[in-house]
PDB file of N, CA and C in Angstrom:
ATOM      1  N   LEU A   1       0.275 -10.155 -24.033  1.00  0.00           N
ATOM      2  CA  LEU A   1       0.523 -10.186 -22.601  1.00  0.00           C
ATOM      3  C   LEU A   1      -0.655 -10.809 -21.845  1.00  0.00           C
ATOM      4  N   PHE A   2      -1.876 -10.533 -22.303  1.00  0.00           N
ATOM      5  CA  PHE A   2      -3.059 -11.076 -21.636  1.00  0.00           C
ATOM      6  C   PHE A   2      -3.918 -11.812 -22.648  1.00  0.00           C
ATOM      7  N   ARG A   3      -4.161 -13.074 -22.413  1.00  0.00           N
ATOM      8  CA  ARG A   3      -5.090 -13.823 -23.274  1.00  0.00           C
ATOM      9  C   ARG A   3      -6.520 -13.411 -22.973  1.00  0.00           C
ATOM     10  N   VAL A   4      -6.780 -13.197 -21.698  1.00  0.00           N
ATOM     11  CA  VAL A   4      -8.081 -12.721 -21.231  1.00  0.00           C
ATOM     12  C   VAL A   4      -7.810 -11.534 -20.325  1.00  0.00           C
ATOM     13  N   LEU A   5      -8.550 -10.458 -20.537  1.00  0.00           N
ATOM     14  CA  LEU A   5      -8.335  -9.275 -19.692  1.00  0.00           C
ATOM     15  C   LEU A   5      -8.787  -9.557 -18.267  1.00  0.00           C
ATOM     16  N   PRO A   6      -7.982  -9.150 -17.286  1.00  0.00           N
ATOM     17  CA  PRO A   6      -8.402  -9.315 -15.894  1.00  0.00           C
ATOM     18  C   PRO A   6      -9.735  -8.614 -15.643  1.00  0.00           C
ATOM     19  N   GLY A   7     -10.541  -9.195 -14.781  1.00  0.00           N
ATOM     20  CA  GLY A   7     -11.898  -8.710 -14.578  1.00  0.00           C
ATOM     21  C   GLY A   7     -12.088  -7.718 -13.447  1.00  0.00           C
ATOM     22  N   SER A   8     -11.039  -7.441 -12.693  1.00  0.00           N
ATOM     23  CA  SER A   8     -11.177  -6.523 -11.569  1.00  0.00           C
ATOM     24  C   SER A   8      -9.863  -5.770 -11.364  1.00  0.00           C
ATOM     25  N   PRO A   9      -9.920  -4.663 -10.638  1.00  0.00           N
ATOM     26  CA  PRO A   9      -8.677  -3.938 -10.349  1.00  0.00           C
ATOM     27  C   PRO A   9      -7.640  -4.821  -9.639  1.00  0.00           C
ATOM     28  N   ALA A  10      -8.092  -5.623  -8.677  1.00  0.00           N
ATOM     29  CA  ALA A  10      -7.168  -6.505  -7.957  1.00  0.00           C
ATOM     30  C   ALA A  10      -6.548  -7.537  -8.895  1.00  0.00           C
ATOM     31  N   ALA A  11      -7.322  -8.017  -9.845  1.00  0.00           N
ATOM     32  CA  ALA A  11      -6.801  -8.990 -10.811  1.00  0.00           C
ATOM     33  C   ALA A  11      -5.749  -8.350 -11.719  1.00  0.00           C
ATOM     34  N   TRP A  12      -5.958  -7.093 -12.114  1.00  0.00           N
ATOM     35  CA  TRP A  12      -4.948  -6.384 -12.903  1.00  0.00           C
ATOM     36  C   TRP A  12      -3.658  -6.270 -12.107  1.00  0.00           C
ATOM     37  N   VAL A  13      -3.765  -5.852 -10.857  1.00  0.00           N
ATOM     38  CA  VAL A  13      -2.591  -5.684 -10.000  1.00  0.00           C
ATOM     39  C   VAL A  13      -1.871  -7.020  -9.827  1.00  0.00           C
ATOM     40  N   ASP A  14      -2.601  -8.056  -9.468  1.00  0.00           N
ATOM     41  CA  ASP A  14      -1.984  -9.367  -9.258  1.00  0.00           C
ATOM     42  C   ASP A  14      -1.294  -9.870 -10.519  1.00  0.00           C
ATOM     43  N   SER A  15      -1.955  -9.723 -11.640  1.00  0.00           N
ATOM     44  CA  SER A  15      -1.403 -10.203 -12.901  1.00  0.00           C
ATOM     45  C   SER A  15      -0.097  -9.484 -13.251  1.00  0.00           C
ATOM     46  N   LEU A  16      -0.091  -8.168 -13.115  1.00  0.00           N
ATOM     47  CA  LEU A  16       1.115  -7.410 -13.441  1.00  0.00           C
ATOM     48  C   LEU A  16       2.234  -7.656 -12.433  1.00  0.00           C
ATOM     49  N   LEU A  17       1.886  -7.790 -11.158  1.00  0.00           N
ATOM     50  CA  LEU A  17       2.913  -8.084 -10.159  1.00  0.00           C
ATOM     51  C   LEU A  17       3.575  -9.428 -10.435  1.00  0.00           C
ATOM     52  N   GLN A  18       2.776 -10.422 -10.816  1.00  0.00           N
ATOM     53  CA  GLN A  18       3.332 -11.737 -11.125  1.00  0.00           C
ATOM     54  C   GLN A  18       4.288 -11.675 -12.310  1.00  0.00           C
ATOM     55  N   ARG A  19       3.970 -10.845 -13.288  1.00  0.00           N
ATOM     56  CA  ARG A  19       4.797 -10.751 -14.489  1.00  0.00           C
ATOM     57  C   ARG A  19       6.038  -9.873 -14.313  1.00  0.00           C
ATOM     58  N   LEU A  20       5.953  -8.878 -13.438  1.00  0.00           N
ATOM     59  CA  LEU A  20       7.003  -7.872 -13.385  1.00  0.00           C
ATOM     60  C   LEU A  20       7.895  -7.916 -12.144  1.00  0.00           C
ATOM     61  N   VAL A  21       7.444  -8.579 -11.091  1.00  0.00           N
ATOM     62  CA  VAL A  21       8.205  -8.574  -9.844  1.00  0.00           C
ATOM     63  C   VAL A  21       8.610 -10.008  -9.499  1.00  0.00           C
ATOM     64  N   ASP A  22       9.885 -10.176  -9.261  1.00  0.00           N
ATOM     65  CA  ASP A  22      10.389 -11.487  -8.866  1.00  0.00           C
ATOM     66  C   ASP A  22      10.494 -11.520  -7.343  1.00  0.00           C
ATOM     67  N   GLY A  23       9.422 -11.906  -6.713  1.00  0.00           N
ATOM     68  CA  GLY A  23       9.396 -11.935  -5.256  1.00  0.00           C
ATOM     69  C   GLY A  23       8.094 -11.374  -4.731  1.00  0.00           C
ATOM     70  N   ASP A  24       8.048 -11.256  -3.422  1.00  0.00           N
ATOM     71  CA  ASP A  24       6.838 -10.788  -2.765  1.00  0.00           C
ATOM     72  C   ASP A  24       6.805  -9.267  -2.664  1.00  0.00           C
ATOM     73  N   VAL A  25       5.599  -8.750  -2.670  1.00  0.00           N
ATOM     74  CA  VAL A  25       5.348  -7.323  -2.476  1.00  0.00           C
ATOM     75  C   VAL A  25       4.517  -7.205  -1.201  1.00  0.00           C
ATOM     76  N   PRO A  26       4.817  -6.245  -0.337  1.00  0.00           N
ATOM     77  CA  PRO A  26       4.036  -6.097   0.892  1.00  0.00           C
ATOM     78  C   PRO A  26       2.537  -5.933   0.600  1.00  0.00           C
ATOM     79  N   ALA A  27       1.729  -6.471   1.487  1.00  0.00           N
ATOM     80  CA  ALA A  27       0.270  -6.392   1.326  1.00  0.00           C
ATOM     81  C   ALA A  27      -0.201  -4.943   1.249  1.00  0.00           C
ATOM     82  N   THR A  28       0.466  -4.050   1.963  1.00  0.00           N
ATOM     83  CA  THR A  28       0.067  -2.638   1.925  1.00  0.00           C
ATOM     84  C   THR A  28       0.312  -2.036   0.539  1.00  0.00           C
ATOM     85  N   THR A  29       1.379  -2.472  -0.103  1.00  0.00           N
ATOM     86  CA  THR A  29       1.670  -1.992  -1.457  1.00  0.00           C
ATOM     87  C   THR A  29       0.637  -2.526  -2.436  1.00  0.00           C
ATOM     88  N   THR A  30       0.338  -3.805  -2.324  1.00  0.00           N
ATOM     89  CA  THR A  30      -0.672  -4.405  -3.197  1.00  0.00           C
ATOM     90  C   THR A  30      -2.016  -3.711  -3.012  1.00  0.00           C
ATOM     91  N   ALA A  31      -2.375  -3.422  -1.763  1.00  0.00           N
ATOM     92  CA  ALA A  31      -3.642  -2.735  -1.488  1.00  0.00           C
ATOM     93  C   ALA A  31      -3.644  -1.337  -2.099  1.00  0.00           C
ATOM     94  N   ALA A  32      -2.540  -0.618  -1.974  1.00  0.00           N
ATOM     95  CA  ALA A  32      -2.456   0.740  -2.538  1.00  0.00           C
ATOM     96  C   ALA A  32      -2.558   0.698  -4.065  1.00  0.00           C
ATOM     97  N   LEU A  33      -1.909  -0.273  -4.688  1.00  0.00           N
ATOM     98  CA  LEU A  33      -1.988  -0.410  -6.143  1.00  0.00           C
ATOM     99  C   LEU A  33      -3.410  -0.758  -6.585  1.00  0.00           C
ATOM    100  N   THR A  34      -4.091  -1.564  -5.795  1.00  0.00           N
ATOM    101  CA  THR A  34      -5.469  -1.931  -6.111  1.00  0.00           C
ATOM    102  C   THR A  34      -6.393  -0.716  -6.002  1.00  0.00           C
ATOM    103  N   VAL A  35      -6.190   0.105  -4.990  1.00  0.00           N
ATOM    104  CA  VAL A  35      -6.974   1.342  -4.856  1.00  0.00           C
ATOM    105  C   VAL A  35      -6.717   2.246  -6.056  1.00  0.00           C
ATOM    106  N   PHE A  36      -5.452   2.380  -6.437  1.00  0.00           N
ATOM    107  CA  PHE A  36      -5.096   3.198  -7.598  1.00  0.00           C
ATOM    108  C   PHE A  36      -5.842   2.717  -8.838  1.00  0.00           C
ATOM    109  N   MET A  37      -5.774   1.418  -9.091  1.00  0.00           N
ATOM    110  CA  MET A  37      -6.417   0.883 -10.292  1.00  0.00           C
ATOM    111  C   MET A  37      -7.940   0.967 -10.180  1.00  0.00           C
ATOM    112  N   SER A  38      -8.482   0.786  -9.009  1.00  0.00           N
ATOM    113  CA  SER A  38      -9.934   0.911  -8.803  1.00  0.00           C
ATOM    114  C   SER A  38     -10.417   2.306  -9.161  1.00  0.00           C
ATOM    115  N   GLN A  39      -9.680   3.304  -8.706  1.00  0.00           N
ATOM    116  CA  GLN A  39     -10.051   4.689  -8.998  1.00  0.00           C
ATOM    117  C   GLN A  39      -9.964   4.973 -10.489  1.00  0.00           C
ATOM    118  N   ARG A  40      -8.950   4.443 -11.137  1.00  0.00           N
ATOM    119  CA  ARG A  40      -8.785   4.663 -12.576  1.00  0.00           C
ATOM    120  C   ARG A  40      -9.906   3.991 -13.369  1.00  0.00           C
ATOM    121  N   LEU A  41     -10.226   2.743 -13.023  1.00  0.00           N
ATOM    122  CA  LEU A  41     -11.234   2.002 -13.781  1.00  0.00           C
ATOM    123  C   LEU A  41     -12.657   2.450 -13.479  1.00  0.00           C
ATOM    124  N   ALA A  42     -12.861   3.107 -12.338  1.00  0.00           N
ATOM    125  CA  ALA A  42     -14.196   3.573 -11.965  1.00  0.00           C
ATOM    126  C   ALA A  42     -14.745   4.590 -12.963  1.00  0.00           C
ATOM    127  N   ALA A  43     -13.868   5.302 -13.626  1.00  0.00           N
ATOM    128  CA  ALA A  43     -14.299   6.326 -14.585  1.00  0.00           C
ATOM    129  C   ALA A  43     -14.656   5.744 -15.953  1.00  0.00           C
ATOM    130  N   LEU A  44     -14.398   4.455 -16.147  1.00  0.00           N
ATOM    131  CA  LEU A  44     -14.663   3.816 -17.436  1.00  0.00           C
ATOM    132  C   LEU A  44     -16.049   3.176 -17.454  1.00  0.00           C
ATOM    133  N   PRO A  45     -16.559   2.872 -18.655  1.00  0.00           N
ATOM    134  CA  PRO A  45     -17.846   2.176 -18.738  1.00  0.00           C
ATOM    135  C   PRO A  45     -17.754   0.777 -18.118  1.00  0.00           C
ATOM    136  N   PRO A  46     -18.894   0.145 -17.826  1.00  0.00           N
ATOM    137  CA  PRO A  46     -18.907  -1.160 -17.154  1.00  0.00           C
ATOM    138  C   PRO A  46     -18.088  -2.251 -17.853  1.00  0.00           C
ATOM    139  N   SER A  47     -18.066  -2.299 -19.144  1.00  0.00           N
ATOM    140  CA  SER A  47     -17.285  -3.299 -19.876  1.00  0.00           C
ATOM    141  C   SER A  47     -16.315  -2.583 -20.818  1.00  0.00           C
ATOM    142  N   PRO A  48     -15.252  -2.035 -20.269  1.00  0.00           N
ATOM    143  CA  PRO A  48     -14.348  -1.242 -21.093  1.00  0.00           C
ATOM    144  C   PRO A  48     -13.584  -2.101 -22.096  1.00  0.00           C
ATOM    145  N   THR A  49     -13.193  -1.470 -23.172  1.00  0.00           N
ATOM    146  CA  THR A  49     -12.360  -2.134 -24.172  1.00  0.00           C
ATOM    147  C   THR A  49     -10.901  -2.046 -23.731  1.00  0.00           C
ATOM    148  N   LEU A  50     -10.056  -2.819 -24.375  1.00  0.00           N
ATOM    149  CA  LEU A  50      -8.637  -2.757 -24.067  1.00  0.00           C
ATOM    150  C   LEU A  50      -8.089  -1.359 -24.350  1.00  0.00           C
ATOM    151  N   THR A  51      -8.564  -0.738 -25.394  1.00  0.00           N
ATOM    152  CA  THR A  51      -8.120   0.614 -25.739  1.00  0.00           C
ATOM    153  C   THR A  51      -8.432   1.592 -24.609  1.00  0.00           C
ATOM    154  N   GLN A  52      -9.570   1.426 -23.956  1.00  0.00           N
ATOM    155  CA  GLN A  52      -9.942   2.312 -22.855  1.00  0.00           C
ATOM    156  C   GLN A  52      -9.129   2.027 -21.595  1.00  0.00           C
ATOM    157  N   VAL A  53      -8.798   0.772 -21.384  1.00  0.00           N
ATOM    158  CA  VAL A  53      -8.081   0.365 -20.175  1.00  0.00           C
ATOM    159  C   VAL A  53      -6.580   0.583 -20.304  1.00  0.00           C
ATOM    160  N   LEU A  54      -6.054   0.488 -21.501  1.00  0.00           N
ATOM    161  CA  LEU A  54      -4.613   0.498 -21.728  1.00  0.00           C
ATOM    162  C   LEU A  54      -3.856   1.668 -21.098  1.00  0.00           C
ATOM    163  N   PRO A  55      -4.330   2.907 -21.180  1.00  0.00           N
ATOM    164  CA  PRO A  55      -3.573   3.996 -20.526  1.00  0.00           C
ATOM    165  C   PRO A  55      -3.418   3.785 -19.019  1.00  0.00           C
ATOM    166  N   HIS A  56      -4.419   3.217 -18.396  1.00  0.00           N
ATOM    167  CA  HIS A  56      -4.378   2.977 -16.958  1.00  0.00           C
ATOM    168  C   HIS A  56      -3.453   1.811 -16.629  1.00  0.00           C
ATOM    169  N   VAL A  57      -3.434   0.809 -17.491  1.00  0.00           N
ATOM    170  CA  VAL A  57      -2.523  -0.321 -17.316  1.00  0.00           C
ATOM    171  C   VAL A  57      -1.079   0.157 -17.483  1.00  0.00           C
ATOM    172  N   ARG A  58      -0.847   1.036 -18.421  1.00  0.00           N
ATOM    173  CA  ARG A  58       0.497   1.597 -18.597  1.00  0.00           C
ATOM    174  C   ARG A  58       0.942   2.340 -17.337  1.00  0.00           C
ATOM    175  N   ASP A  59       0.044   3.137 -16.766  1.00  0.00           N
ATOM    176  CA  ASP A  59       0.388   3.874 -15.545  1.00  0.00           C
ATOM    177  C   ASP A  59       0.676   2.918 -14.389  1.00  0.00           C
ATOM    178  N   LEU A  60      -0.156   1.894 -14.244  1.00  0.00           N
ATOM    179  CA  LEU A  60       0.057   0.900 -13.196  1.00  0.00           C
ATOM    180  C   LEU A  60       1.385   0.185 -13.406  1.00  0.00           C
ATOM    181  N   THR A  61       1.676  -0.179 -14.625  1.00  0.00           N
ATOM    182  CA  THR A  61       2.946  -0.848 -14.943  1.00  0.00           C
ATOM    183  C   THR A  61       4.122   0.050 -14.587  1.00  0.00           C
ATOM    184  N   SER A  62       4.010   1.315 -14.897  1.00  0.00           N
ATOM    185  CA  SER A  62       5.073   2.272 -14.584  1.00  0.00           C
ATOM    186  C   SER A  62       5.322   2.342 -13.082  1.00  0.00           C
ATOM    187  N   ILE A  63       4.273   2.349 -12.312  1.00  0.00           N
ATOM    188  CA  ILE A  63       4.417   2.373 -10.850  1.00  0.00           C
ATOM    189  C   ILE A  63       5.082   1.088 -10.366  1.00  0.00           C
ATOM    190  N   ILE A  64       4.628  -0.046 -10.878  1.00  0.00           N
ATOM    191  CA  ILE A  64       5.158  -1.336 -10.429  1.00  0.00           C
ATOM    192  C   ILE A  64       6.646  -1.461 -10.735  1.00  0.00           C
ATOM    193  N   ILE A  65       7.072  -1.045 -11.896  1.00  0.00           N
ATOM    194  CA  ILE A  65       8.498  -1.206 -12.211  1.00  0.00           C
ATOM    195  C   ILE A  65       9.389  -0.245 -11.425  1.00  0.00           C
ATOM    196  N   ARG A  66       8.780   0.720 -10.778  1.00  0.00           N
ATOM    197  CA  ARG A  66       9.548   1.634  -9.917  1.00  0.00           C
ATOM    198  C   ARG A  66       9.586   1.186  -8.453  1.00  0.00           C
ATOM    199  N   LEU A  67       8.840   0.149  -8.125  1.00  0.00           N
ATOM    200  CA  LEU A  67       8.842  -0.346  -6.746  1.00  0.00           C
ATOM    201  C   LEU A  67      10.229  -0.869  -6.371  1.00  0.00           C
ATOM    202  N   PRO A  68      10.616  -0.722  -5.127  1.00  0.00           N
ATOM    203  CA  PRO A  68      11.899  -1.282  -4.695  1.00  0.00           C
ATOM    204  C   PRO A  68      12.001  -2.789  -4.963  1.00  0.00           C
ATOM    205  N   GLU A  69      10.876  -3.492  -4.858  1.00  0.00           N
ATOM    206  CA  GLU A  69      10.860  -4.942  -5.086  1.00  0.00           C
ATOM    207  C   GLU A  69      11.135  -5.298  -6.545  1.00  0.00           C
ATOM    208  N   SER A  70      10.993  -4.339  -7.444  1.00  0.00           N
ATOM    209  CA  SER A  70      11.227  -4.578  -8.868  1.00  0.00           C
ATOM    210  C   SER A  70      12.678  -4.330  -9.268  1.00  0.00           C
ATOM    211  N   GLN A  71      13.414  -3.716  -8.386  1.00  0.00           N
ATOM    212  CA  GLN A  71      14.782  -3.351  -8.722  1.00  0.00           C
ATOM    213  C   GLN A  71      15.721  -4.547  -8.553  1.00  0.00           C
ATOM    214  N   LEU A  72      16.702  -4.635  -9.426  1.00  0.00           N
ATOM    215  CA  LEU A  72      17.696  -5.696  -9.336  1.00  0.00           C
ATOM    216  C   LEU A  72      18.615  -5.441  -8.148  1.00  0.00           C
ATOM    217  N   HIS A  73      19.010  -6.490  -7.502  1.00  0.00           N
ATOM    218  CA  HIS A  73      19.922  -6.365  -6.356  1.00  0.00           C
ATOM    219  C   HIS A  73      21.270  -6.897  -6.731  1.00  0.00           C
TER     220      HIS A  73
END
């Protein structure tokens, strides 16, 4: 899914939104998702491994696929 791991919480959010949502997401939603990921990654070491980041990416993915913008119309 990722050739290179995103380097910031915002990059994780943007990358997953691009892959999982067909369309635009409100800026407030993107900001809230970025705060969520920032809080999750803050508890990890400065250069976390994929194994350390993966549970948080799974949680973020779960939230994104539940967004109204992710639902089929």
